[in-house]
Amino acid sequence: MTDPSEPPRDARRRRLLFRANHRGTHETDLLIGGYVAARIDRLTEAEMDALEEVMELPDADLADWLTGRRPIPPEADSPMLRAIRAAAVTR
């Protein structure tokens, strides 16, 4: 687990962590930000690419999908989105 008192080392990771925690709605800040904060230093380049794709999705949809209020539609489904949802459900 990443020590929250120490910032990620490179600019891309810092930017992703900031974006994950400043989504626009408190609910998605918690769901996505918590996932990213715990894993940011271990994400591969491909995983960071996938995370950036997830973060382009609308907050309202993400909140519904991550909390299970609505199923993830096939056009938005991805391993990264499923991983974030699994982490959110186990919180």
N, C-alpha and C. Protein backbone atom coordinates (compact mmCIF):
# COMPACT_ATOMS: atom_id res chain seq x y z
N MET A 1 0.85 -1.18 0.00
CA MET A 1 0.00 0.00 0.00
C MET A 1 0.89 1.24 0.00
N THR A 2 0.48 2.26 -0.72
CA THR A 2 1.23 3.50 -0.81
C THR A 2 1.06 4.31 0.46
N ASP A 3 2.15 4.89 0.92
CA ASP A 3 2.10 5.77 2.09
C ASP A 3 1.54 7.11 1.63
N PRO A 4 0.33 7.50 2.09
CA PRO A 4 -0.28 8.75 1.62
C PRO A 4 0.51 10.00 1.99
N SER A 5 1.45 9.89 2.93
CA SER A 5 2.24 11.06 3.30
C SER A 5 3.37 11.32 2.31
N GLU A 6 3.66 10.34 1.44
CA GLU A 6 4.71 10.52 0.44
C GLU A 6 4.08 10.60 -0.95
N PRO A 7 4.32 11.68 -1.68
CA PRO A 7 3.74 11.83 -3.02
C PRO A 7 4.39 10.86 -4.01
N PRO A 8 3.65 10.48 -5.06
CA PRO A 8 4.24 9.65 -6.10
C PRO A 8 5.45 10.35 -6.71
N ARG A 9 6.34 9.57 -7.27
CA ARG A 9 7.60 10.13 -7.74
C ARG A 9 7.56 10.86 -9.07
N ASP A 10 6.77 10.42 -10.01
CA ASP A 10 6.81 11.06 -11.33
C ASP A 10 5.56 11.91 -11.59
N ALA A 11 5.69 12.79 -12.57
CA ALA A 11 4.62 13.77 -12.85
C ALA A 11 3.32 13.09 -13.28
N ARG A 12 3.41 12.04 -14.08
CA ARG A 12 2.19 11.38 -14.54
C ARG A 12 1.42 10.80 -13.36
N ARG A 13 2.11 10.15 -12.46
CA ARG A 13 1.44 9.57 -11.29
C ARG A 13 0.84 10.67 -10.40
N ARG A 14 1.56 11.74 -10.21
CA ARG A 14 1.02 12.85 -9.41
C ARG A 14 -0.24 13.42 -10.06
N ARG A 15 -0.21 13.58 -11.38
CA ARG A 15 -1.37 14.11 -12.11
C ARG A 15 -2.56 13.16 -12.01
N LEU A 16 -2.32 11.86 -12.17
CA LEU A 16 -3.41 10.88 -12.06
C LEU A 16 -4.01 10.87 -10.66
N LEU A 17 -3.16 10.93 -9.66
CA LEU A 17 -3.65 10.94 -8.28
C LEU A 17 -4.48 12.19 -8.02
N PHE A 18 -4.04 13.33 -8.50
CA PHE A 18 -4.80 14.57 -8.33
C PHE A 18 -6.15 14.46 -9.02
N ARG A 19 -6.14 14.02 -10.27
CA ARG A 19 -7.40 13.88 -11.03
C ARG A 19 -8.36 12.91 -10.36
N ALA A 20 -7.83 11.84 -9.82
CA ALA A 20 -8.67 10.83 -9.17
C ALA A 20 -9.34 11.37 -7.91
N ASN A 21 -8.70 12.31 -7.27
CA ASN A 21 -9.24 12.88 -6.02
C ASN A 21 -9.99 14.18 -6.22
N HIS A 22 -10.03 14.68 -7.44
CA HIS A 22 -10.72 15.94 -7.74
C HIS A 22 -11.60 15.77 -8.97
N ARG A 23 -12.51 14.82 -8.89
CA ARG A 23 -13.38 14.47 -10.01
C ARG A 23 -14.51 15.46 -10.22
N GLY A 24 -14.97 16.04 -9.16
CA GLY A 24 -16.11 16.94 -9.28
C GLY A 24 -17.24 16.57 -8.35
N THR A 25 -17.34 15.29 -8.03
CA THR A 25 -18.34 14.88 -7.04
C THR A 25 -17.62 14.13 -5.92
N HIS A 26 -18.09 14.35 -4.73
CA HIS A 26 -17.44 13.74 -3.56
C HIS A 26 -17.46 12.22 -3.63
N GLU A 27 -18.56 11.66 -4.10
CA GLU A 27 -18.70 10.21 -4.17
C GLU A 27 -17.64 9.59 -5.08
N THR A 28 -17.46 10.13 -6.26
CA THR A 28 -16.46 9.56 -7.16
C THR A 28 -15.04 9.89 -6.69
N ASP A 29 -14.85 11.03 -6.05
CA ASP A 29 -13.54 11.33 -5.45
C ASP A 29 -13.15 10.21 -4.50
N LEU A 30 -14.08 9.79 -3.66
CA LEU A 30 -13.79 8.73 -2.69
C LEU A 30 -13.57 7.38 -3.36
N LEU A 31 -14.43 7.04 -4.29
CA LEU A 31 -14.36 5.72 -4.92
C LEU A 31 -13.11 5.57 -5.79
N ILE A 32 -12.89 6.52 -6.66
CA ILE A 32 -11.74 6.42 -7.56
C ILE A 32 -10.46 6.86 -6.87
N GLY A 33 -10.54 7.95 -6.10
CA GLY A 33 -9.36 8.45 -5.41
C GLY A 33 -8.78 7.44 -4.44
N GLY A 34 -9.64 6.75 -3.71
CA GLY A 34 -9.17 5.74 -2.77
C GLY A 34 -8.47 4.59 -3.48
N TYR A 35 -9.04 4.16 -4.59
CA TYR A 35 -8.43 3.09 -5.37
C TYR A 35 -7.05 3.50 -5.87
N VAL A 36 -6.99 4.69 -6.45
CA VAL A 36 -5.74 5.16 -7.05
C VAL A 36 -4.69 5.42 -5.96
N ALA A 37 -5.07 6.05 -4.87
CA ALA A 37 -4.10 6.36 -3.81
C ALA A 37 -3.42 5.10 -3.28
N ALA A 38 -4.17 4.03 -3.17
CA ALA A 38 -3.62 2.78 -2.63
C ALA A 38 -2.72 2.05 -3.61
N ARG A 39 -2.80 2.39 -4.91
CA ARG A 39 -2.11 1.60 -5.92
C ARG A 39 -1.21 2.40 -6.86
N ILE A 40 -1.21 3.70 -6.78
CA ILE A 40 -0.56 4.54 -7.79
C ILE A 40 0.89 4.17 -8.05
N ASP A 41 1.65 3.87 -7.03
CA ASP A 41 3.07 3.57 -7.23
C ASP A 41 3.32 2.22 -7.88
N ARG A 42 2.31 1.35 -7.90
CA ARG A 42 2.48 0.01 -8.47
C ARG A 42 1.87 -0.12 -9.86
N LEU A 43 1.15 0.88 -10.34
CA LEU A 43 0.50 0.78 -11.64
C LEU A 43 1.52 0.76 -12.77
N THR A 44 1.29 -0.12 -13.73
CA THR A 44 2.13 -0.17 -14.93
C THR A 44 1.70 0.95 -15.88
N GLU A 45 2.48 1.17 -16.91
CA GLU A 45 2.11 2.17 -17.92
C GLU A 45 0.76 1.83 -18.55
N ALA A 46 0.56 0.55 -18.86
CA ALA A 46 -0.71 0.12 -19.47
C ALA A 46 -1.87 0.35 -18.51
N GLU A 47 -1.66 0.08 -17.22
CA GLU A 47 -2.72 0.32 -16.24
C GLU A 47 -3.02 1.80 -16.09
N MET A 48 -1.98 2.63 -16.17
CA MET A 48 -2.22 4.07 -16.11
C MET A 48 -2.99 4.55 -17.34
N ASP A 49 -2.69 3.98 -18.50
CA ASP A 49 -3.46 4.29 -19.71
C ASP A 49 -4.93 3.93 -19.50
N ALA A 50 -5.17 2.73 -18.95
CA ALA A 50 -6.54 2.27 -18.71
C ALA A 50 -7.23 3.16 -17.68
N LEU A 51 -6.51 3.57 -16.65
CA LEU A 51 -7.08 4.46 -15.64
C LEU A 51 -7.46 5.80 -16.25
N GLU A 52 -6.62 6.33 -17.11
CA GLU A 52 -6.95 7.60 -17.78
C GLU A 52 -8.23 7.47 -18.60
N GLU A 53 -8.42 6.32 -19.25
CA GLU A 53 -9.65 6.10 -20.02
C GLU A 53 -10.86 6.09 -19.10
N VAL A 54 -10.76 5.42 -17.96
CA VAL A 54 -11.87 5.39 -17.00
C VAL A 54 -12.17 6.80 -16.51
N MET A 55 -11.15 7.59 -16.26
CA MET A 55 -11.37 8.92 -15.71
C MET A 55 -11.96 9.90 -16.73
N GLU A 56 -12.03 9.50 -17.98
CA GLU A 56 -12.70 10.32 -18.99
C GLU A 56 -14.22 10.11 -18.98
N LEU A 57 -14.68 9.08 -18.30
CA LEU A 57 -16.12 8.79 -18.25
C LEU A 57 -16.83 9.77 -17.32
N PRO A 58 -18.09 10.07 -17.57
CA PRO A 58 -18.84 11.02 -16.74
C PRO A 58 -18.99 10.55 -15.29
N ASP A 59 -18.86 11.50 -14.37
CA ASP A 59 -18.96 11.21 -12.93
C ASP A 59 -20.25 10.51 -12.55
N ALA A 60 -21.37 10.98 -13.05
CA ALA A 60 -22.66 10.40 -12.66
C ALA A 60 -22.73 8.93 -13.05
N ASP A 61 -22.26 8.62 -14.25
CA ASP A 61 -22.25 7.22 -14.69
C ASP A 61 -21.29 6.39 -13.85
N LEU A 62 -20.09 6.92 -13.63
CA LEU A 62 -19.12 6.20 -12.81
C LEU A 62 -19.66 5.89 -11.42
N ALA A 63 -20.27 6.87 -10.81
CA ALA A 63 -20.83 6.66 -9.46
C ALA A 63 -21.87 5.54 -9.48
N ASP A 64 -22.74 5.55 -10.47
CA ASP A 64 -23.76 4.50 -10.57
C ASP A 64 -23.14 3.12 -10.80
N TRP A 65 -22.16 3.05 -11.68
CA TRP A 65 -21.53 1.77 -11.99
C TRP A 65 -20.69 1.25 -10.82
N LEU A 66 -19.96 2.14 -10.18
CA LEU A 66 -19.05 1.71 -9.11
C LEU A 66 -19.80 1.30 -7.84
N THR A 67 -20.97 1.88 -7.63
CA THR A 67 -21.75 1.52 -6.45
C THR A 67 -22.71 0.38 -6.73
N GLY A 68 -22.84 -0.02 -7.98
CA GLY A 68 -23.74 -1.11 -8.34
C GLY A 68 -25.18 -0.67 -8.55
N ARG A 69 -25.42 0.64 -8.55
CA ARG A 69 -26.79 1.11 -8.81
C ARG A 69 -27.23 0.76 -10.22
N ARG A 70 -26.27 0.73 -11.12
CA ARG A 70 -26.53 0.31 -12.51
C ARG A 70 -25.39 -0.57 -12.95
N PRO A 71 -25.67 -1.54 -13.82
CA PRO A 71 -24.59 -2.38 -14.33
C PRO A 71 -23.69 -1.58 -15.28
N ILE A 72 -22.44 -1.99 -15.37
CA ILE A 72 -21.51 -1.36 -16.31
C ILE A 72 -21.93 -1.79 -17.71
N PRO A 73 -22.19 -0.83 -18.61
CA PRO A 73 -22.59 -1.21 -19.96
C PRO A 73 -21.39 -1.76 -20.74
N PRO A 74 -21.65 -2.62 -21.72
CA PRO A 74 -20.56 -3.24 -22.48
C PRO A 74 -19.59 -2.23 -23.11
N GLU A 75 -20.10 -1.10 -23.57
CA GLU A 75 -19.23 -0.13 -24.23
C GLU A 75 -18.28 0.57 -23.27
N ALA A 76 -18.56 0.53 -21.98
CA ALA A 76 -17.68 1.16 -20.98
C ALA A 76 -16.90 0.13 -20.18
N ASP A 77 -17.26 -1.13 -20.29
CA ASP A 77 -16.65 -2.18 -19.48
C ASP A 77 -15.17 -2.33 -19.81
N SER A 78 -14.38 -2.46 -18.77
CA SER A 78 -12.94 -2.68 -18.93
C SER A 78 -12.41 -3.35 -17.66
N PRO A 79 -11.28 -4.02 -17.75
CA PRO A 79 -10.70 -4.62 -16.55
C PRO A 79 -10.42 -3.56 -15.46
N MET A 80 -9.99 -2.38 -15.85
CA MET A 80 -9.70 -1.34 -14.85
C MET A 80 -10.97 -0.89 -14.15
N LEU A 81 -12.03 -0.67 -14.89
CA LEU A 81 -13.28 -0.24 -14.28
C LEU A 81 -13.82 -1.33 -13.35
N ARG A 82 -13.70 -2.59 -13.76
CA ARG A 82 -14.14 -3.69 -12.90
C ARG A 82 -13.29 -3.79 -11.64
N ALA A 83 -11.99 -3.52 -11.76
CA ALA A 83 -11.10 -3.56 -10.58
C ALA A 83 -11.46 -2.46 -9.59
N ILE A 84 -11.74 -1.27 -10.10
CA ILE A 84 -12.13 -0.16 -9.22
C ILE A 84 -13.45 -0.50 -8.54
N ARG A 85 -14.38 -1.05 -9.29
CA ARG A 85 -15.68 -1.42 -8.71
C ARG A 85 -15.51 -2.50 -7.63
N ALA A 86 -14.68 -3.50 -7.90
CA ALA A 86 -14.45 -4.56 -6.91
C ALA A 86 -13.86 -3.98 -5.63
N ALA A 87 -12.95 -3.04 -5.76
CA ALA A 87 -12.36 -2.40 -4.59
C ALA A 87 -13.40 -1.56 -3.84
N ALA A 88 -14.28 -0.91 -4.58
CA ALA A 88 -15.31 -0.08 -3.96
C ALA A 88 -16.31 -0.93 -3.19
N VAL A 89 -16.65 -2.09 -3.71
CA VAL A 89 -17.63 -2.97 -3.09
C VAL A 89 -17.08 -3.58 -1.80
N THR A 90 -15.76 -3.81 -1.75
CA THR A 90 -15.16 -4.44 -0.58
C THR A 90 -14.79 -3.44 0.52
N ARG A 91 -15.01 -2.17 0.29
CA ARG A 91 -14.67 -1.14 1.29
C ARG A 91 -15.51 -1.27 2.50
